[in-house]
Amino acid sequence: MLNIISIGRWFATVLAVLLLTVYFGSAFDARRMPPLAPEHRIEFEQEFNAAQEDQTDWAAYLEIENRLAIELEEKIPSSSRSGSVADRYFADGLTFPGNYPSNWNRSYEMSVPSPRGVAVLLHGLTDSPYTMLATAKTLATAGYNVVAPRMPGHGFAVSGLVQARWADWTAAVRIAIRRAMQRPGADQSLLIIGYSNGGLLAVDYALRCHDINELPCPDGLVLMSPAIAIARTAVVTNLHAAISWMPYFEQFKWLNILPEIDPFKFTSFPKRVPWEIHKFSKSVHKQLADPAKVDTMPPVLTFQSLVDNTVRTEAIVTTLYDRLPPNGSELVIYDVNRNSTMLHLMKNQPIDPVENFSSLTPMNFSVTILRNRDPSTNAIDVLSLPAGQIQTDSRTTTYSWPAQIYSLSHIAIPFGPDDMLYGDGTAGTENNPGIVFGALAPRGERGVLLLSSDYFLRARYNPFMEFQSEYLTEWLTRLEISNK
């Protein structure tokens, strides 16, 4: 018995030593990252937090953003920058937000005559309301008044993400919905549209809305690359806090430290963010496990790439859609390009989504899949699996995979080829003072650039955005009919 106890203690000691070795090895390795710049260090005094919700209406929220802009200029003055044309904080640079026709880092609204409803659009982590611009225009064209809030911690300096908590984001959602309910059309329909973490926020609100007396429940949700579940490693991302408060290990707070070159999206990423999403998603998952709450969910439409390195695609089905009632929910999947030679270089070839979903029929929700007509062509067919049926429908389209694109990505879903920042470069340059990130494919020696090739070569636009906009518009009509 004593030998067993002694062996157990020995193994525990060895394991503890190994864990500490890995931990401190990672901490010292983090010191190899670039030094922190002011945008990684500053703390905002003016940023909104959940404790201010009761005293903050939409006008007050916009005023907070005005004060944040002043605070940012005081703490990171343009005159203090090195003069890099790719620096978003350099006023004469190519990516300075103030040089664009509008600073889409701020909350915004769109108004239409004779609206048929209102829509609240929620962007994702490290993003800005710019992410929702194309979808906002689609909704406005379809007759909806739009409210697109900036989430706390976003839009100004990436250090804001270190301060932000998920309760701040949910509070900002409620402020935006209160604003939307003041707009014409609010008495007809309320939609919530969310991308990535915004999708998780949308689902959370739909599950909790019955407990919020003064606010309505949505009539429909639209999700794009929703962060229903993220990588399981997020559970350990906050372990840095034990030592990262020390100046020597301050870089340990960050997953990466990169130059901030994008006007409307942060490039660096603090470890605090996945930890907040881990906690938030656990809360949402607990609600999704309650059939009484899920049964009150409105119809949900989701657009999702089959391959996604940020969120777990399968969890969208198993954690959300499999639990929804038969209420008209629909899931749109973008398959990989099975005609691409890159298919044979993938670490794991994705399972055919048609075969996968066909094996699950009949389902409570409809599935639409964009796929190659056959493996020898880039031409696209659309295959549909209607809810409650086992037979598939297929139709040809005029769409096809662009050359050199083997799949979509998490960040590509909300942007079209004509996007001034993330498109294919064919859009006019009158609204863009500089870089088209979606068209960048720099070549040279490896190890020279501060940013990896992954940053430049990740798909940034959705070549099927026209299909997505048309599908969304048609779904809104079906939703309107079903709600009458």
Protein backbone atom coordinates (compact mmCIF):
# COMPACT_ATOMS: atom_id res chain seq x y z
CA MET A 1 0.00 0.00 0.00
CA LEU A 2 2.84 2.38 0.90
CA ASN A 3 4.53 1.57 -2.41
CA ILE A 4 1.37 2.50 -4.32
CA ILE A 5 1.11 5.79 -2.42
CA SER A 6 4.80 6.51 -3.00
CA ILE A 7 4.48 5.77 -6.73
CA GLY A 8 1.39 8.02 -6.91
CA ARG A 9 3.25 10.85 -5.24
CA TRP A 10 6.20 10.34 -7.59
CA PHE A 11 3.97 10.52 -10.67
CA ALA A 12 2.22 13.61 -9.29
CA THR A 13 5.58 15.28 -8.69
CA VAL A 14 6.83 14.42 -12.17
CA LEU A 15 3.60 15.69 -13.72
CA ALA A 16 3.76 18.94 -11.75
CA VAL A 17 7.38 19.49 -12.81
CA LEU A 18 6.48 18.83 -16.45
CA LEU A 19 3.53 21.23 -16.32
CA LEU A 20 5.59 23.94 -14.68
CA THR A 21 8.34 23.41 -17.25
CA VAL A 22 5.87 23.81 -20.11
CA TYR A 23 4.24 26.80 -18.43
CA PHE A 24 7.44 28.75 -17.80
CA GLY A 25 8.85 27.62 -21.13
CA SER A 26 5.84 29.21 -22.81
CA ALA A 27 6.24 32.36 -20.70
CA PHE A 28 9.88 32.77 -21.68
CA ASP A 29 9.08 31.95 -25.30
CA ALA A 30 6.49 34.76 -25.31
CA ARG A 31 9.34 37.21 -24.67
CA ARG A 32 10.52 36.46 -28.22
CA MET A 33 7.46 38.24 -29.59
CA PRO A 34 7.79 41.92 -30.56
CA PRO A 35 7.67 44.41 -27.67
CA LEU A 36 4.30 45.87 -26.75
CA ALA A 37 3.37 49.16 -28.39
CA PRO A 38 1.10 51.84 -26.88
CA GLU A 39 -1.95 50.27 -28.58
CA HIS A 40 -1.29 47.11 -26.56
CA ARG A 41 -0.79 48.90 -23.26
CA ILE A 42 -3.19 51.81 -22.83
CA GLU A 43 -6.20 51.53 -20.57
CA PHE A 44 -9.32 53.41 -21.61
CA GLU A 45 -11.05 55.43 -18.93
CA GLN A 46 -14.07 56.28 -21.10
CA GLU A 47 -15.07 52.80 -22.34
CA PHE A 48 -18.55 51.48 -21.62
CA ASN A 49 -19.05 48.63 -19.16
CA ALA A 50 -22.09 46.68 -18.04
CA ALA A 51 -22.45 48.63 -14.80
CA GLN A 52 -23.36 51.71 -16.86
CA GLU A 53 -26.24 50.10 -18.76
CA ASP A 54 -29.07 51.67 -16.77
CA GLN A 55 -27.67 55.17 -17.37
CA THR A 56 -26.77 54.65 -21.04
CA ASP A 57 -29.13 55.03 -23.96
CA TRP A 58 -28.09 55.01 -27.62
CA ALA A 59 -27.18 58.71 -27.67
CA ALA A 60 -25.07 58.29 -24.55
CA TYR A 61 -23.38 55.25 -26.08
CA LEU A 62 -22.42 57.27 -29.15
CA GLU A 63 -21.08 60.00 -26.89
CA ILE A 64 -18.89 57.41 -25.16
CA GLU A 65 -17.40 56.64 -28.57
CA ASN A 66 -16.71 60.34 -29.13
CA ARG A 67 -14.86 60.50 -25.83
CA LEU A 68 -12.94 57.33 -26.68
CA ALA A 69 -11.78 58.92 -29.94
CA ILE A 70 -10.44 61.91 -28.00
CA GLU A 71 -8.79 59.66 -25.42
CA LEU A 72 -7.18 57.58 -28.18
CA GLU A 73 -5.67 60.66 -29.83
CA GLU A 74 -4.36 61.83 -26.46
CA LYS A 75 -2.75 58.49 -25.64
CA ILE A 76 -1.60 57.53 -29.14
CA PRO A 77 -1.11 60.82 -31.00
CA SER A 78 -0.48 60.42 -34.71
CA SER A 79 2.59 62.65 -34.38
CA SER A 80 4.20 60.03 -32.15
CA ARG A 81 4.09 57.29 -34.77
CA SER A 82 7.06 56.23 -36.84
CA GLY A 83 5.48 57.18 -40.14
CA SER A 84 4.82 53.65 -41.45
CA VAL A 85 2.24 53.94 -44.22
CA ALA A 86 0.63 50.71 -42.98
CA ASP A 87 0.14 51.99 -39.41
CA ARG A 88 -3.55 52.54 -38.60
CA TYR A 89 -2.58 55.19 -36.03
CA PHE A 90 -0.56 57.30 -38.50
CA ALA A 91 -2.82 60.00 -39.94
CA ASP A 92 -0.99 60.18 -43.26
CA GLY A 93 -0.89 56.41 -43.68
CA LEU A 94 -2.81 54.10 -46.00
CA THR A 95 -4.89 52.49 -43.24
CA PHE A 96 -5.78 55.40 -40.96
CA PRO A 97 -9.55 55.00 -40.27
CA GLY A 98 -10.15 58.75 -40.52
CA ASN A 99 -9.07 58.74 -44.18
CA TYR A 100 -12.02 56.57 -45.24
CA PRO A 101 -15.40 58.02 -46.25
CA SER A 102 -16.69 56.92 -42.84
CA ASN A 103 -14.99 55.59 -39.73
CA TRP A 104 -16.72 52.21 -39.55
CA ASN A 105 -15.12 51.52 -36.16
CA ARG A 106 -18.10 53.44 -34.74
CA SER A 107 -21.69 52.35 -34.22
CA TYR A 108 -24.01 53.32 -37.07
CA GLU A 109 -27.59 53.17 -38.29
CA MET A 110 -29.31 52.91 -41.66
CA SER A 111 -32.82 54.19 -42.35
CA VAL A 112 -35.27 53.25 -45.10
CA PRO A 113 -38.69 54.60 -46.03
CA SER A 114 -41.72 52.50 -45.04
CA PRO A 115 -39.69 49.84 -43.18
CA ARG A 116 -40.99 46.29 -42.77
CA GLY A 117 -38.97 45.78 -39.60
CA VAL A 118 -35.79 46.56 -37.70
CA ALA A 119 -32.50 44.68 -37.57
CA VAL A 120 -29.68 44.75 -35.02
CA LEU A 121 -26.29 43.65 -36.42
CA LEU A 122 -23.57 42.34 -34.10
CA HIS A 123 -19.94 42.09 -35.21
CA GLY A 124 -17.33 39.62 -33.99
CA LEU A 125 -14.21 39.69 -31.84
CA THR A 126 -11.32 41.94 -32.92
CA ASP A 127 -13.67 43.32 -35.60
CA SER A 128 -15.72 46.48 -35.91
CA PRO A 129 -19.17 47.36 -37.24
CA TYR A 130 -17.54 47.49 -40.68
CA THR A 131 -17.79 43.69 -40.73
CA MET A 132 -21.58 44.00 -40.91
CA LEU A 133 -21.69 46.68 -43.61
CA ALA A 134 -22.50 44.47 -46.63
CA THR A 135 -25.22 42.63 -44.71
CA ALA A 136 -26.58 45.92 -43.40
CA LYS A 137 -26.95 47.14 -46.97
CA THR A 138 -28.74 43.92 -47.95
CA LEU A 139 -31.18 44.35 -45.06
CA ALA A 140 -31.75 48.01 -45.84
CA THR A 141 -32.48 47.10 -49.46
CA ALA A 142 -34.92 44.49 -48.17
CA GLY A 143 -36.72 47.21 -46.17
CA TYR A 144 -35.25 47.05 -42.67
CA ASN A 145 -34.02 49.88 -40.49
CA VAL A 146 -30.59 48.89 -39.24
CA VAL A 147 -28.75 49.42 -35.94
CA ALA A 148 -25.12 48.24 -35.85
CA PRO A 149 -23.43 48.77 -32.46
CA ARG A 150 -19.72 48.67 -31.74
CA MET A 151 -18.97 46.12 -29.05
CA PRO A 152 -17.02 47.41 -26.00
CA GLY A 153 -13.28 46.92 -26.31
CA HIS A 154 -13.33 47.27 -30.08
CA GLY A 155 -12.68 49.94 -32.68
CA PHE A 156 -10.02 52.06 -30.99
CA ALA A 157 -7.01 50.16 -29.60
CA VAL A 158 -6.52 46.43 -29.21
CA SER A 159 -5.75 46.91 -25.50
CA GLY A 160 -9.48 47.50 -25.09
CA LEU A 161 -9.99 43.77 -25.53
CA VAL A 162 -7.97 43.13 -22.38
CA GLN A 163 -10.44 45.30 -20.44
CA ALA A 164 -13.67 44.00 -22.02
CA ARG A 165 -15.85 41.34 -20.42
CA TRP A 166 -18.65 39.34 -21.98
CA ALA A 167 -21.20 41.03 -19.71
CA ASP A 168 -20.20 44.34 -21.35
CA TRP A 169 -21.06 42.91 -24.77
CA THR A 170 -24.45 41.59 -23.73
CA ALA A 171 -25.27 44.96 -22.16
CA ALA A 172 -24.33 46.73 -25.40
CA VAL A 173 -26.64 44.36 -27.30
CA ARG A 174 -29.56 45.38 -25.09
CA ILE A 175 -28.79 49.08 -25.60
CA ALA A 176 -28.83 48.54 -29.38
CA ILE A 177 -32.13 46.64 -29.21
CA ARG A 178 -33.70 49.42 -27.13
CA ARG A 179 -32.61 51.82 -29.86
CA ALA A 180 -34.00 49.56 -32.58
CA MET A 181 -37.37 49.43 -30.82
CA GLN A 182 -37.56 53.22 -31.10
CA ARG A 183 -37.19 53.05 -34.88
CA PRO A 184 -40.03 52.88 -37.42
CA GLY A 185 -40.83 49.28 -38.26
CA ALA A 186 -40.16 47.99 -34.76
CA ASP A 187 -43.82 47.05 -34.38
CA GLN A 188 -43.58 44.73 -37.39
CA SER A 189 -40.44 42.62 -36.99
CA LEU A 190 -37.19 42.42 -35.03
CA LEU A 191 -34.20 40.59 -36.49
CA ILE A 192 -30.84 40.00 -34.85
CA ILE A 193 -27.90 39.26 -37.12
CA GLY A 194 -24.60 38.14 -35.66
CA TYR A 195 -21.18 37.26 -37.05
CA SER A 196 -18.80 35.02 -35.07
CA ASN A 197 -19.01 36.15 -31.43
CA GLY A 198 -21.92 38.34 -32.53
CA GLY A 199 -23.70 35.11 -33.44
CA LEU A 200 -23.20 33.80 -29.92
CA LEU A 201 -24.51 37.11 -28.57
CA ALA A 202 -27.58 36.82 -30.80
CA VAL A 203 -28.34 33.29 -29.59
CA ASP A 204 -27.80 34.34 -25.97
CA TYR A 205 -30.27 37.22 -26.30
CA ALA A 206 -32.88 35.01 -27.99
CA LEU A 207 -32.62 32.51 -25.13
CA ARG A 208 -32.81 35.15 -22.39
CA CYS A 209 -35.26 37.66 -23.88
CA HIS A 210 -38.28 36.23 -22.05
CA ASP A 211 -36.60 37.20 -18.79
CA ILE A 212 -36.13 40.85 -19.87
CA ASN A 213 -39.46 42.52 -19.24
CA GLU A 214 -39.05 45.71 -21.25
CA LEU A 215 -37.46 44.17 -24.36
CA PRO A 216 -39.00 41.98 -27.07
CA CYS A 217 -37.86 38.63 -28.37
CA PRO A 218 -36.59 38.51 -31.96
CA ASP A 219 -38.70 37.18 -34.79
CA GLY A 220 -35.63 35.67 -36.45
CA LEU A 221 -31.88 35.19 -36.10
CA VAL A 222 -29.29 35.30 -38.87
CA LEU A 223 -25.87 33.90 -37.98
CA MET A 224 -22.61 33.99 -39.93
CA SER A 225 -19.70 31.80 -38.78
CA PRO A 226 -21.28 31.79 -35.30
CA ALA A 227 -18.97 31.08 -32.36
CA ILE A 228 -21.29 28.49 -30.84
CA ALA A 229 -18.19 26.60 -29.72
CA ILE A 230 -14.51 27.54 -30.03
CA ALA A 231 -11.32 25.52 -29.60
CA ARG A 232 -11.27 23.50 -26.37
CA THR A 233 -7.84 24.94 -25.54
CA ALA A 234 -9.57 28.22 -24.63
CA VAL A 235 -10.14 26.82 -21.16
CA VAL A 236 -6.44 27.27 -20.31
CA THR A 237 -5.79 30.61 -22.00
CA ASN A 238 -6.14 32.63 -18.80
CA LEU A 239 -3.45 30.70 -16.94
CA HIS A 240 -1.00 33.41 -17.99
CA ALA A 241 -2.50 35.68 -15.33
CA ALA A 242 -0.41 34.07 -12.57
CA ILE A 243 2.76 35.78 -13.80
CA SER A 244 1.89 38.06 -16.76
CA TRP A 245 1.23 40.97 -14.36
CA MET A 246 5.00 41.20 -13.98
CA PRO A 247 6.60 43.54 -16.55
CA TYR A 248 9.16 40.86 -17.45
CA PHE A 249 6.38 38.52 -18.62
CA GLU A 250 3.89 41.09 -19.96
CA GLN A 251 4.04 39.61 -23.48
CA PHE A 252 2.71 36.36 -22.02
CA LYS A 253 -0.75 38.03 -21.95
CA TRP A 254 -0.87 37.81 -25.74
CA LEU A 255 -1.36 35.00 -28.23
CA ASN A 256 0.31 37.22 -30.80
CA ILE A 257 1.69 40.75 -30.96
CA LEU A 258 1.59 42.16 -34.47
CA PRO A 259 1.61 45.56 -36.13
CA GLU A 260 -1.87 47.06 -36.30
CA ILE A 261 -2.21 47.61 -40.03
CA ASP A 262 -5.94 47.04 -40.61
CA PRO A 263 -8.18 50.12 -40.22
CA PHE A 264 -11.24 48.19 -39.04
CA LYS A 265 -9.91 45.01 -37.45
CA PHE A 266 -7.27 44.32 -34.80
CA THR A 267 -4.28 42.22 -35.78
CA SER A 268 -2.91 41.34 -32.33
CA PHE A 269 -4.84 39.01 -30.04
CA PRO A 270 -4.82 38.97 -26.21
CA LYS A 271 -5.37 35.71 -24.34
CA ARG A 272 -8.13 37.30 -22.29
CA VAL A 273 -10.45 37.12 -25.30
CA PRO A 274 -10.77 33.32 -25.71
CA TRP A 275 -11.13 33.03 -21.94
CA GLU A 276 -14.11 35.40 -22.00
CA ILE A 277 -15.65 33.48 -24.91
CA HIS A 278 -15.10 30.20 -23.08
CA LYS A 279 -17.03 31.50 -20.07
CA PHE A 280 -19.72 33.06 -22.23
CA SER A 281 -20.22 29.96 -24.37
CA LYS A 282 -20.56 27.79 -21.26
CA SER A 283 -23.41 30.04 -20.15
CA VAL A 284 -25.10 29.78 -23.55
CA HIS A 285 -24.61 26.00 -23.72
CA LYS A 286 -26.31 25.64 -20.36
CA GLN A 287 -29.33 27.48 -21.73
CA LEU A 288 -29.32 25.42 -24.93
CA ALA A 289 -29.50 22.29 -22.77
CA ASP A 290 -32.85 23.51 -21.40
CA PRO A 291 -35.63 22.32 -23.77
CA ALA A 292 -38.07 24.89 -22.36
CA LYS A 293 -35.77 27.73 -23.43
CA VAL A 294 -34.86 26.24 -26.81
CA ASP A 295 -38.51 25.68 -27.70
CA THR A 296 -39.05 29.45 -27.59
CA MET A 297 -36.25 30.14 -30.10
CA PRO A 298 -37.24 31.91 -33.32
CA PRO A 299 -36.28 30.57 -36.77
CA VAL A 300 -32.52 30.65 -37.32
CA LEU A 301 -30.66 31.06 -40.62
CA THR A 302 -26.91 30.34 -40.58
CA PHE A 303 -24.20 30.74 -43.21
CA GLN A 304 -21.13 28.64 -42.44
CA SER A 305 -17.98 27.41 -44.18
CA LEU A 306 -17.44 23.66 -43.90
CA VAL A 307 -13.85 24.37 -42.82
CA ASP A 308 -13.36 26.97 -40.11
CA ASN A 309 -10.21 27.39 -38.06
CA THR A 310 -11.85 29.69 -35.51
CA VAL A 311 -15.08 27.97 -34.49
CA ARG A 312 -16.14 24.34 -34.50
CA THR A 313 -18.49 23.86 -37.45
CA GLU A 314 -19.91 20.58 -36.17
CA ALA A 315 -20.99 22.25 -32.91
CA ILE A 316 -23.36 24.52 -34.84
CA VAL A 317 -25.35 21.37 -35.66
CA THR A 318 -24.92 19.33 -32.49
CA THR A 319 -25.17 22.16 -29.96
CA LEU A 320 -27.71 24.42 -31.69
CA TYR A 321 -29.59 23.07 -34.70
CA ASP A 322 -30.21 19.55 -33.40
CA ARG A 323 -32.00 21.10 -30.43
CA LEU A 324 -34.19 23.57 -32.30
CA PRO A 325 -37.90 22.89 -32.74
CA PRO A 326 -39.26 22.50 -36.30
CA ASN A 327 -39.72 26.25 -36.71
CA GLY A 328 -38.39 26.93 -40.21
CA SER A 329 -34.70 27.16 -39.34
CA GLU A 330 -32.20 26.77 -42.18
CA LEU A 331 -28.48 26.06 -42.43
CA VAL A 332 -26.37 27.03 -45.44
CA ILE A 333 -23.01 25.26 -45.79
CA TYR A 334 -20.20 26.27 -48.16
CA ASP A 335 -18.30 23.11 -49.09
CA VAL A 336 -14.62 23.16 -50.03
CA ASN A 337 -13.58 23.35 -53.68
CA ARG A 338 -13.30 19.67 -54.50
CA ASN A 339 -11.80 20.47 -57.89
CA SER A 340 -8.83 22.23 -56.31
CA THR A 341 -5.46 20.50 -56.36
CA MET A 342 -5.09 21.84 -52.81
CA LEU A 343 -7.68 19.25 -51.74
CA HIS A 344 -4.93 16.64 -51.95
CA LEU A 345 -2.64 18.73 -49.76
CA MET A 346 -5.11 19.16 -46.89
CA LYS A 347 -4.16 17.62 -43.57
CA ASN A 348 -7.57 15.97 -43.44
CA GLN A 349 -9.98 16.03 -46.36
CA PRO A 350 -13.35 17.24 -45.06
CA ILE A 351 -16.19 14.75 -45.16
CA ASP A 352 -18.71 15.28 -47.95
CA PRO A 353 -21.46 17.40 -46.30
CA VAL A 354 -24.09 16.00 -48.67
CA GLU A 355 -23.40 12.45 -47.51
CA ASN A 356 -23.19 13.56 -43.90
CA PHE A 357 -26.51 15.41 -43.79
CA SER A 358 -28.28 12.85 -45.98
CA SER A 359 -27.47 10.25 -43.33
CA LEU A 360 -29.22 12.44 -40.72
CA THR A 361 -32.52 12.94 -42.56
CA PRO A 362 -35.26 13.66 -41.76
CA MET A 363 -34.21 16.73 -39.76
CA ASN A 364 -36.11 19.55 -38.02
CA PHE A 365 -34.25 22.11 -40.11
CA SER A 366 -33.42 22.60 -43.78
CA VAL A 367 -29.89 22.35 -45.13
CA THR A 368 -28.56 24.02 -48.27
CA ILE A 369 -25.10 23.11 -49.54
CA LEU A 370 -23.04 24.90 -52.16
CA ARG A 371 -20.78 22.32 -53.79
CA ASN A 372 -18.93 21.51 -56.99
CA ARG A 373 -21.18 20.21 -59.75
CA ASP A 374 -18.67 17.36 -59.97
CA PRO A 375 -15.00 17.00 -58.96
CA SER A 376 -13.80 17.97 -62.44
CA THR A 377 -15.26 21.49 -62.50
CA ASN A 378 -15.30 24.69 -60.45
CA ALA A 379 -18.98 25.20 -61.35
CA ILE A 380 -21.35 25.27 -58.38
CA ASP A 381 -24.60 23.45 -57.75
CA VAL A 382 -26.93 24.11 -54.83
CA LEU A 383 -28.27 21.03 -53.07
CA SER A 384 -31.20 21.33 -50.65
CA LEU A 385 -32.41 19.00 -47.92
CA PRO A 386 -35.81 20.35 -46.81
CA ALA A 387 -36.82 19.92 -43.18
CA GLY A 388 -38.72 16.71 -42.49
CA GLN A 389 -37.80 15.12 -45.83
CA ILE A 390 -35.27 12.53 -46.96
CA GLN A 391 -35.12 13.46 -50.65
CA THR A 392 -32.65 16.07 -51.90
CA ASP A 393 -33.22 18.74 -54.51
CA SER A 394 -30.44 20.09 -56.71
CA ARG A 395 -30.17 23.04 -59.05
CA THR A 396 -27.40 24.45 -61.16
CA THR A 397 -26.11 28.00 -60.75
CA THR A 398 -23.96 30.45 -62.63
CA TYR A 399 -21.49 30.58 -59.73
CA SER A 400 -18.09 28.94 -59.74
CA TRP A 401 -15.02 28.79 -57.54
CA PRO A 402 -12.44 31.48 -58.38
CA ALA A 403 -9.03 30.19 -59.38
CA GLN A 404 -6.68 29.50 -56.46
CA ILE A 405 -9.41 29.49 -53.78
CA TYR A 406 -9.80 26.06 -52.21
CA SER A 407 -12.27 27.00 -49.46
CA LEU A 408 -13.91 29.84 -47.64
CA SER A 409 -12.76 30.79 -44.16
CA HIS A 410 -14.21 32.04 -40.91
CA ILE A 411 -13.51 35.67 -41.80
CA ALA A 412 -14.66 35.48 -45.44
CA ILE A 413 -18.40 34.94 -44.95
CA PRO A 414 -19.56 38.60 -44.47
CA PHE A 415 -17.54 40.18 -47.31
CA GLY A 416 -18.11 40.18 -51.05
CA PRO A 417 -15.55 40.28 -53.88
CA ASP A 418 -16.35 43.98 -54.31
CA ASP A 419 -15.46 44.88 -50.72
CA MET A 420 -13.05 47.81 -50.74
CA LEU A 421 -10.81 46.28 -48.06
CA TYR A 422 -11.21 42.53 -48.18
CA GLY A 423 -12.41 41.92 -51.74
CA ASP A 424 -10.56 40.64 -54.79
CA GLY A 425 -9.28 44.06 -55.81
CA THR A 426 -11.76 44.63 -58.63
CA ALA A 427 -13.70 47.30 -56.75
CA GLY A 428 -13.05 50.95 -57.47
CA THR A 429 -10.44 52.69 -55.33
CA GLU A 430 -12.31 55.94 -54.76
CA ASN A 431 -13.41 54.86 -51.27
CA ASN A 432 -10.19 53.12 -50.28
CA PRO A 433 -7.09 55.25 -49.65
CA GLY A 434 -4.71 52.31 -49.66
CA ILE A 435 -4.47 48.57 -49.09
CA VAL A 436 -6.87 45.90 -50.40
CA PHE A 437 -6.16 43.09 -47.95
CA GLY A 438 -8.19 40.51 -49.83
CA ALA A 439 -5.98 40.87 -52.92
CA LEU A 440 -2.62 40.70 -51.13
CA ALA A 441 -0.42 37.73 -52.02
CA PRO A 442 3.14 38.93 -51.35
CA ARG A 443 6.01 36.70 -52.46
CA GLY A 444 9.61 36.75 -51.30
CA GLU A 445 11.87 35.04 -48.83
CA ARG A 446 10.24 33.38 -45.82
CA GLY A 447 10.83 34.77 -42.34
CA VAL A 448 11.26 38.32 -43.58
CA LEU A 449 7.79 39.75 -42.96
CA LEU A 450 6.41 40.54 -39.52
CA LEU A 451 3.15 38.87 -40.52
CA SER A 452 3.04 35.25 -41.64
CA SER A 453 1.89 34.07 -45.04
CA ASP A 454 -1.29 32.78 -43.32
CA TYR A 455 -2.30 36.36 -42.63
CA PHE A 456 -2.09 37.36 -46.28
CA LEU A 457 -3.33 34.15 -47.94
CA ARG A 458 -6.35 33.38 -45.77
CA ALA A 459 -9.53 33.82 -47.81
CA ARG A 460 -11.00 37.21 -46.90
CA TYR A 461 -14.04 37.43 -49.15
CA ASN A 462 -16.97 35.25 -50.05
CA PRO A 463 -17.15 34.67 -53.83
CA PHE A 464 -20.78 33.62 -53.32
CA MET A 465 -21.85 36.81 -51.53
CA GLU A 466 -24.46 37.56 -54.20
CA PHE A 467 -26.04 34.15 -53.54
CA GLN A 468 -25.90 34.80 -49.79
CA SER A 469 -27.62 38.18 -50.10
CA GLU A 470 -30.35 36.77 -52.34
CA TYR A 471 -30.86 33.78 -50.04
CA LEU A 472 -31.13 36.06 -47.01
CA THR A 473 -33.69 38.27 -48.76
CA GLU A 474 -35.80 35.27 -49.78
CA TRP A 475 -35.61 33.84 -46.26
CA LEU A 476 -36.87 37.13 -44.84
CA THR A 477 -39.91 36.86 -47.09
CA ARG A 478 -40.56 33.29 -45.93
CA LEU A 479 -40.11 34.41 -42.32
CA GLU A 480 -42.59 37.28 -42.80
CA ILE A 481 -45.17 34.94 -44.29
CA SER A 482 -44.76 32.38 -41.49
CA ASN A 483 -45.16 35.07 -38.82
CA LYS A 484 -48.48 36.34 -40.20
